[in-house]
C-alpha atoms as a PDB file:
ATOM      1  CA  MET A   1       0.329  17.267 -13.956  1.00  0.00           C
ATOM      2  CA  THR A   2      -0.531  13.946 -11.894  1.00  0.00           C
ATOM      3  CA  ARG A   3      -3.974  12.031 -13.492  1.00  0.00           C
ATOM      4  CA  HIS A   4      -5.784   8.653 -11.858  1.00  0.00           C
ATOM      5  CA  LEU A   5      -6.333   6.115 -14.289  1.00  0.00           C
ATOM      6  CA  ILE A   6      -8.126   3.215 -13.210  1.00  0.00           C
ATOM      7  CA  ALA A   7      -7.246   0.357 -15.847  1.00  0.00           C
ATOM      8  CA  LEU A   8      -9.125  -2.752 -14.214  1.00  0.00           C
ATOM      9  CA  LEU A   9     -12.878  -1.846 -13.954  1.00  0.00           C
ATOM     10  CA  LEU A  10     -13.766  -3.458 -17.460  1.00  0.00           C
ATOM     11  CA  ALA A  11     -10.877  -6.079 -17.336  1.00  0.00           C
ATOM     12  CA  CYS A  12     -11.904  -8.290 -13.829  1.00  0.00           C
ATOM     13  CA  ALA A  13     -15.553  -7.217 -13.830  1.00  0.00           C
ATOM     14  CA  ALA A  14     -16.842 -10.654 -14.995  1.00  0.00           C
ATOM     15  CA  THR A  15     -14.701 -12.101 -12.300  1.00  0.00           C
ATOM     16  CA  ALA A  16     -15.311  -9.390  -9.236  1.00  0.00           C
ATOM     17  CA  GLN A  17     -17.639 -11.759  -7.631  1.00  0.00           C
ATOM     18  CA  THR A  18     -15.741 -14.617  -6.958  1.00  0.00           C
ATOM     19  CA  ALA A  19     -13.442 -15.227  -4.112  1.00  0.00           C
ATOM     20  CA  GLU A  20     -10.401 -16.471  -6.204  1.00  0.00           C
ATOM     21  CA  ALA A  21     -10.715 -12.484  -7.521  1.00  0.00           C
ATOM     22  CA  ALA A  22     -11.403 -10.725  -3.810  1.00  0.00           C
ATOM     23  CA  ARG A  23      -7.980 -11.790  -3.137  1.00  0.00           C
ATOM     24  CA  GLU A  24      -6.252 -10.056  -5.746  1.00  0.00           C
ATOM     25  CA  ASN A  25      -3.927  -7.520  -5.280  1.00  0.00           C
ATOM     26  CA  ILE A  26      -4.203  -3.993  -7.001  1.00  0.00           C
ATOM     27  CA  TYR A  27      -0.904  -2.100  -7.266  1.00  0.00           C
ATOM     28  CA  LYS A  28      -0.192   1.411  -8.012  1.00  0.00           C
ATOM     29  CA  TYR A  29       3.222   2.977 -10.385  1.00  0.00           C
ATOM     30  CA  THR A  30       3.578   5.867 -12.354  1.00  0.00           C
ATOM     31  CA  ASP A  31       4.129   5.832 -15.963  1.00  0.00           C
ATOM     32  CA  LYS A  32       6.866   7.161 -18.585  1.00  0.00           C
ATOM     33  CA  ASN A  33       4.482  10.402 -18.564  1.00  0.00           C
ATOM     34  CA  GLY A  34       3.925  10.682 -14.894  1.00  0.00           C
ATOM     35  CA  VAL A  35       0.663   9.333 -14.928  1.00  0.00           C
ATOM     36  CA  THR A  36      -0.518   7.724 -11.638  1.00  0.00           C
ATOM     37  CA  VAL A  37      -2.096   3.940 -12.733  1.00  0.00           C
ATOM     38  CA  TYR A  38      -4.252   1.549 -10.605  1.00  0.00           C
ATOM     39  CA  THR A  39      -4.072  -1.637 -11.979  1.00  0.00           C
ATOM     40  CA  ASN A  40      -4.571  -5.325 -11.093  1.00  0.00           C
ATOM     41  CA  VAL A  41      -2.542  -6.933 -13.571  1.00  0.00           C
ATOM     42  CA  ARG A  42       1.215  -7.099 -11.769  1.00  0.00           C
ATOM     43  CA  PRO A  43       2.757  -4.381 -14.184  1.00  0.00           C
ATOM     44  CA  LYS A  44       6.572  -5.311 -15.653  1.00  0.00           C
ATOM     45  CA  GLY A  45       9.264  -3.527 -15.685  1.00  0.00           C
ATOM     46  CA  VAL A  46       8.262  -0.560 -13.401  1.00  0.00           C
ATOM     47  CA  ALA A  47       8.140  -0.233  -9.697  1.00  0.00           C
ATOM     48  CA  ALA A  48       4.845  -0.995  -7.926  1.00  0.00           C
ATOM     49  CA  LYS A  49       3.043  -0.732  -4.565  1.00  0.00           C
ATOM     50  CA  VAL A  50       0.889  -3.345  -3.190  1.00  0.00           C
ATOM     51  CA  ILE A  51      -2.229  -0.843  -2.154  1.00  0.00           C
ATOM     52  CA  GLY A  52      -5.510  -2.543  -1.827  1.00  0.00           C
ATOM     53  CA  THR A  53      -7.186  -5.844  -2.307  1.00  0.00           C
ATOM     54  CA  TYR A  54     -11.118  -6.080  -3.839  1.00  0.00           C
ATOM     55  CA  SER A  55     -13.610  -6.858  -1.363  1.00  0.00           C
ATOM     56  CA  CYS A  56     -14.465  -4.440   1.688  1.00  0.00           C
ATOM     57  CA  PRO A  57     -13.378  -6.279   4.623  1.00  0.00           C
ATOM     58  CA  ALA A  58     -16.592  -6.685   6.319  1.00  0.00           C
ATOM     59  CA  CYS A  59     -18.268  -7.829   2.671  1.00  0.00           C
ATOM     60  CA  LYS A  60     -16.858 -11.212   2.810  1.00  0.00           C
ATOM     61  CA  VAL A  61     -19.833 -13.843   3.817  1.00  0.00           C
ATOM     62  CA  ASP A  62     -17.047 -16.470   4.794  1.00  0.00           C
ATOM     63  CA  SER A  63     -14.720 -13.832   7.013  1.00  0.00           C
ATOM     64  CA  LYS A  64     -13.066 -14.660   9.865  1.00  0.00           C
ATOM     65  CA  VAL A  65     -12.707 -11.140  11.947  1.00  0.00           C
ATOM     66  CA  ASP A  66     -14.067 -11.133  15.184  1.00  0.00           C
ATOM     67  CA  TRP A  67     -15.933  -8.245  14.312  1.00  0.00           C
ATOM     68  CA  THR A  68     -16.979  -7.857  18.244  1.00  0.00           C
ATOM     69  CA  HIS A  69     -13.434  -8.034  19.582  1.00  0.00           C
ATOM     70  CA  THR A  70     -11.505  -6.958  16.238  1.00  0.00           C
ATOM     71  CA  GLY A  71      -9.271  -3.867  17.346  1.00  0.00           C
ATOM     72  CA  LEU A  72     -11.060  -0.243  16.913  1.00  0.00           C
ATOM     73  CA  ASN A  73      -9.573   3.336  15.044  1.00  0.00           C
ATOM     74  CA  VAL A  74     -10.769   6.252  16.943  1.00  0.00           C
ATOM     75  CA  THR A  75      -8.105   8.405  16.194  1.00  0.00           C
ATOM     76  CA  ALA A  76      -7.707   8.409  12.499  1.00  0.00           C
ATOM     77  CA  PHE A  77      -8.790  10.904   9.895  1.00  0.00           C
ATOM     78  CA  LYS A  78     -10.148  12.459  13.351  1.00  0.00           C
ATOM     79  CA  ASN A  79     -10.436  15.823  11.745  1.00  0.00           C
ATOM     80  CA  GLU A  80     -12.192  15.262   8.639  1.00  0.00           C
ATOM     81  CA  ILE A  81     -14.674  12.656  10.476  1.00  0.00           C
ATOM     82  CA  VAL A  82     -15.486  15.055  12.823  1.00  0.00           C
ATOM     83  CA  THR A  83     -15.783  18.058  10.624  1.00  0.00           C
ATOM     84  CA  ALA A  84     -18.213  15.678   8.072  1.00  0.00           C
ATOM     85  CA  SER A  85     -20.123  14.170  11.202  1.00  0.00           C
ATOM     86  CA  ARG A  86     -21.056  17.705  12.808  1.00  0.00           C
ATOM     87  CA  LEU A  87     -21.810  19.384   9.305  1.00  0.00           C
ATOM     88  CA  ASN A  88     -24.333  16.730   8.348  1.00  0.00           C
ATOM     89  CA  GLU A  89     -25.251  15.710  11.708  1.00  0.00           C
ATOM     90  CA  VAL A  90     -24.191  12.033  11.570  1.00  0.00           C
ATOM     91  CA  ASP A  91     -22.709  10.349  14.470  1.00  0.00           C
ATOM     92  CA  GLU A  92     -19.243   9.755  14.341  1.00  0.00           C
ATOM     93  CA  SER A  93     -19.765   6.350  15.449  1.00  0.00           C
ATOM     94  CA  MET A  94     -21.799   6.181  12.219  1.00  0.00           C
ATOM     95  CA  VAL A  95     -18.856   7.058   9.498  1.00  0.00           C
ATOM     96  CA  ARG A  96     -16.263   5.361  11.328  1.00  0.00           C
ATOM     97  CA  ALA A  97     -18.130   1.896  11.226  1.00  0.00           C
ATOM     98  CA  ILE A  98     -18.638   2.714   7.773  1.00  0.00           C
ATOM     99  CA  ILE A  99     -15.320   3.173   6.359  1.00  0.00           C
ATOM    100  CA  HIS A 100     -13.651   0.159   9.397  1.00  0.00           C
ATOM    101  CA  ALA A 101     -16.131  -2.283   7.165  1.00  0.00           C
ATOM    102  CA  GLU A 102     -15.139  -0.601   3.623  1.00  0.00           C
ATOM    103  CA  SER A 103     -12.052  -0.003   3.944  1.00  0.00           C
ATOM    104  CA  ALA A 104      -9.841  -0.577   7.322  1.00  0.00           C
ATOM    105  CA  TYR A 105      -9.092   2.626   6.938  1.00  0.00           C
ATOM    106  CA  ARG A 106      -7.004   2.708   3.427  1.00  0.00           C
ATOM    107  CA  THR A 107      -7.052   5.622   1.381  1.00  0.00           C
ATOM    108  CA  GLU A 108      -6.038   3.920  -1.534  1.00  0.00           C
ATOM    109  CA  ALA A 109      -8.470   0.738  -1.098  1.00  0.00           C
ATOM    110  CA  LEU A 110     -10.479  -0.001  -4.956  1.00  0.00           C
ATOM    111  CA  SER A 111     -12.848  -2.215  -5.969  1.00  0.00           C
ATOM    112  CA  PRO A 112     -12.793  -4.300  -9.076  1.00  0.00           C
ATOM    113  CA  VAL A 113     -16.475  -2.264  -9.855  1.00  0.00           C
ATOM    114  CA  GLY A 114     -14.301   1.153  -9.378  1.00  0.00           C
ATOM    115  CA  ALA A 115     -15.394   1.789  -5.330  1.00  0.00           C
ATOM    116  CA  GLN A 116     -12.321   4.188  -4.676  1.00  0.00           C
ATOM    117  CA  GLY A 117     -11.073   5.332  -0.720  1.00  0.00           C
ATOM    118  CA  LEU A 118     -11.907   5.416   2.910  1.00  0.00           C
ATOM    119  CA  MET A 119     -15.682   5.553   2.092  1.00  0.00           C
ATOM    120  CA  GLN A 120     -15.226   3.344  -1.292  1.00  0.00           C
ATOM    121  CA  LEU A 121     -17.155   5.913  -3.424  1.00  0.00           C
ATOM    122  CA  MET A 122     -18.457   4.797  -6.408  1.00  0.00           C
ATOM    123  CA  PRO A 123     -17.632   7.310 -10.100  1.00  0.00           C
ATOM    124  CA  GLY A 124     -21.048   8.552  -9.975  1.00  0.00           C
ATOM    125  CA  THR A 125     -21.704   9.264  -6.272  1.00  0.00           C
ATOM    126  CA  ALA A 126     -18.039  10.649  -5.877  1.00  0.00           C
ATOM    127  CA  GLY A 127     -19.110  12.836  -8.719  1.00  0.00           C
ATOM    128  CA  MET A 128     -22.538  13.252  -7.260  1.00  0.00           C
ATOM    129  CA  TYR A 129     -20.708  15.428  -4.151  1.00  0.00           C
ATOM    130  CA  GLY A 130     -18.503  17.304  -6.614  1.00  0.00           C
ATOM    131  CA  VAL A 131     -15.177  14.898  -5.624  1.00  0.00           C
ATOM    132  CA  ASP A 132     -12.421  15.416  -7.868  1.00  0.00           C
ATOM    133  CA  ASN A 133     -10.146  13.217  -6.205  1.00  0.00           C
ATOM    134  CA  ALA A 134     -11.849   9.945  -4.399  1.00  0.00           C
ATOM    135  CA  PHE A 135      -8.597   9.164  -2.813  1.00  0.00           C
ATOM    136  CA  ASP A 136      -8.086  12.142  -0.890  1.00  0.00           C
ATOM    137  CA  PRO A 137      -8.954  11.538   2.646  1.00  0.00           C
ATOM    138  CA  ALA A 138     -11.290  15.140   3.487  1.00  0.00           C
ATOM    139  CA  GLN A 139     -13.172  14.915  -0.342  1.00  0.00           C
ATOM    140  CA  ASN A 140     -13.430  10.917   0.688  1.00  0.00           C
ATOM    141  CA  ILE A 141     -15.008  11.535   3.757  1.00  0.00           C
ATOM    142  CA  ALA A 142     -16.994  14.559   3.439  1.00  0.00           C
ATOM    143  CA  ALA A 143     -18.695  13.233   0.247  1.00  0.00           C
ATOM    144  CA  GLY A 144     -19.211   9.822   1.936  1.00  0.00           C
ATOM    145  CA  VAL A 145     -21.303  11.181   4.937  1.00  0.00           C
ATOM    146  CA  LYS A 146     -23.402  13.041   2.785  1.00  0.00           C
ATOM    147  CA  HIS A 147     -24.158   9.838   1.447  1.00  0.00           C
ATOM    148  CA  LEU A 148     -24.689   8.610   4.584  1.00  0.00           C
ATOM    149  CA  ARG A 149     -26.821  11.213   5.776  1.00  0.00           C
ATOM    150  CA  MET A 150     -29.349  11.545   2.482  1.00  0.00           C
ATOM    151  CA  LEU A 151     -29.603   7.376   3.137  1.00  0.00           C
ATOM    152  CA  LEU A 152     -30.863   7.935   6.938  1.00  0.00           C
ATOM    153  CA  ASP A 153     -33.194  10.763   5.610  1.00  0.00           C
ATOM    154  CA  MET A 154     -34.063   8.475   3.133  1.00  0.00           C
ATOM    155  CA  PHE A 155     -35.113   5.548   5.580  1.00  0.00           C
ATOM    156  CA  ASP A 156     -36.119   7.283   8.424  1.00  0.00           C
ATOM    157  CA  GLY A 157     -33.053   7.389  10.268  1.00  0.00           C
ATOM    158  CA  ASP A 158     -32.626   3.805  10.535  1.00  0.00           C
ATOM    159  CA  PHE A 159     -29.219   2.661  10.289  1.00  0.00           C
ATOM    160  CA  GLU A 160     -29.227  -1.094   9.797  1.00  0.00           C
ATOM    161  CA  LEU A 161     -31.439   0.114   6.203  1.00  0.00           C
ATOM    162  CA  ALA A 162     -28.611   3.096   5.381  1.00  0.00           C
ATOM    163  CA  ALA A 163     -25.861   0.523   5.763  1.00  0.00           C
ATOM    164  CA  ALA A 164     -28.144  -1.747   3.453  1.00  0.00           C
ATOM    165  CA  GLY A 165     -28.170   0.842   0.888  1.00  0.00           C
ATOM    166  CA  TYR A 166     -24.979   1.963   1.412  1.00  0.00           C
ATOM    167  CA  ASN A 167     -24.041  -2.008   0.616  1.00  0.00           C
ATOM    168  CA  ALA A 168     -26.654  -2.897  -2.086  1.00  0.00           C
ATOM    169  CA  GLY A 169     -27.744   0.536  -3.150  1.00  0.00           C
ATOM    170  CA  GLU A 170     -31.120   2.563  -2.077  1.00  0.00           C
ATOM    171  CA  ASN A 171     -33.013   1.114  -4.937  1.00  0.00           C
ATOM    172  CA  ALA A 172     -32.241  -2.568  -3.778  1.00  0.00           C
ATOM    173  CA  VAL A 173     -33.647  -1.933   0.047  1.00  0.00           C
ATOM    174  CA  LEU A 174     -36.706   0.166  -1.836  1.00  0.00           C
ATOM    175  CA  ARG A 175     -37.516  -2.737  -3.935  1.00  0.00           C
ATOM    176  CA  TYR A 176     -37.632  -5.536  -1.248  1.00  0.00           C
ATOM    177  CA  GLY A 177     -38.522  -3.016   1.584  1.00  0.00           C
ATOM    178  CA  GLY A 178     -35.924  -3.690   3.957  1.00  0.00           C
ATOM    179  CA  ILE A 179     -32.889  -5.279   3.947  1.00  0.00           C
ATOM    180  CA  PRO A 180     -32.003  -7.051   0.815  1.00  0.00           C
ATOM    181  CA  PRO A 181     -31.344 -11.015   0.634  1.00  0.00           C
ATOM    182  CA  TYR A 182     -28.067 -11.040  -0.311  1.00  0.00           C
ATOM    183  CA  ALA A 183     -25.746 -12.985   1.265  1.00  0.00           C
ATOM    184  CA  GLU A 184     -23.062  -9.930   1.613  1.00  0.00           C
ATOM    185  CA  THR A 185     -25.177  -7.301   2.180  1.00  0.00           C
ATOM    186  CA  GLN A 186     -27.110  -8.611   5.232  1.00  0.00           C
ATOM    187  CA  VAL A 187     -23.403  -9.973   6.715  1.00  0.00           C
ATOM    188  CA  TYR A 188     -22.304  -6.315   5.980  1.00  0.00           C
ATOM    189  CA  VAL A 189     -25.142  -4.562   8.150  1.00  0.00           C
ATOM    190  CA  GLU A 190     -24.676  -6.806  10.555  1.00  0.00           C
ATOM    191  CA  ARG A 191     -21.360  -6.656  11.042  1.00  0.00           C
ATOM    192  CA  VAL A 192     -21.703  -2.512  10.737  1.00  0.00           C
ATOM    193  CA  GLY A 193     -24.317  -2.773  13.299  1.00  0.00           C
ATOM    194  CA  ILE A 194     -21.756  -4.581  15.640  1.00  0.00           C
ATOM    195  CA  LEU A 195     -19.061  -1.884  14.949  1.00  0.00           C
ATOM    196  CA  GLN A 196     -20.990   1.231  15.299  1.00  0.00           C
ATOM    197  CA  LYS A 197     -21.928  -0.233  18.576  1.00  0.00           C
ATOM    198  CA  ARG A 198     -18.181  -0.204  19.828  1.00  0.00           C
ATOM    199  CA  TYR A 199     -17.421   2.737  17.989  1.00  0.00           C
ATOM    200  CA  ALA A 200     -20.222   4.535  20.033  1.00  0.00           C
ATOM    201  CA  SER A 201     -18.761   3.112  23.214  1.00  0.00           C
ATOM    202  CA  GLU A 202     -15.112   3.585  22.523  1.00  0.00           C
ATOM    203  CA  ILE A 203     -15.928   7.407  21.448  1.00  0.00           C
ATOM    204  CA  ALA A 204     -18.257   7.954  24.722  1.00  0.00           C
ATOM    205  CA  GLY A 205     -15.818   6.608  26.716  1.00  0.00           C
ATOM    206  CA  GLY A 206     -12.642   8.506  25.280  1.00  0.00           C
ATOM    207  CA  SER A 207     -14.865  11.450  26.014  1.00  0.00           C
ATOM    208  CA  ALA A 208     -15.686  11.308  29.445  1.00  0.00           C
ATOM    209  CA  THR A 209     -12.043  10.322  29.996  1.00  0.00           C
ATOM    210  CA  THR A 210     -11.020  13.535  28.794  1.00  0.00           C
ATOM    211  CA  ALA A 211     -14.142  15.370  30.899  1.00  0.00           C
ATOM    212  CA  ALA A 212     -12.764  14.128  33.755  1.00  0.00           C
ATOM    213  CA  ALA A 213      -8.878  14.820  33.231  1.00  0.00           C
ATOM    214  CA  MET A 214     -10.105  18.619  32.584  1.00  0.00           C
ATOM    215  CA  GLY A 215     -12.108  18.404  35.235  1.00  0.00           C
ATOM    216  CA  GLY A 216     -15.116  18.444  33.843  1.00  0.00           C
ATOM    217  CA  GLY A 217     -16.709  14.894  35.187  1.00  0.00           C
ATOM    218  CA  GLY A 218     -18.233  15.101  38.184  1.00  0.00           C
ATOM    219  CA  LYS A 219     -18.303  13.710  41.477  1.00  0.00           C
END
């Protein structure tokens, strides 16, 4: 049975915050025992696939992305997102904003500190929600949305604070009584907010178009 091993965590933790490390690739390959290995070191003598980069797209302080115009994705993982959103009463636009910001919809995204998959679940968070494969879209989204719901409840439905907690941890938000004074977290919250509003508009527009096509759009 294939198992997932994360070989890079201790080795790269000390350099995780540098821009140089943020640009390194993560490689995936299968060893001679049939074990799937994820590592930041280019393996020798085996066929390896580059599967991701270290940092979330919206976390880079000096990001050149135009977040007000960058393309959106309202179709990927539709069933998984809608199911988890409805079950946890979390707006789909919030979920898509987090996924877009964290992994840009890459199912195998892996950060230097071990955050995994679409919603970049830390191993402890994944375990808390019963996830045994954080790279599985359905499991990752289900757990990520549950965690987002918990943060929304903790911060009285304030999406900005929930997003800050998702990035920096809820304890940091509680400690500072608001968005922590971390440059990464502040730009992350701003960008996720932009994405959420854009996704909400896009999703609402799509629903209206569908309703009109079915004869339910009114006069």
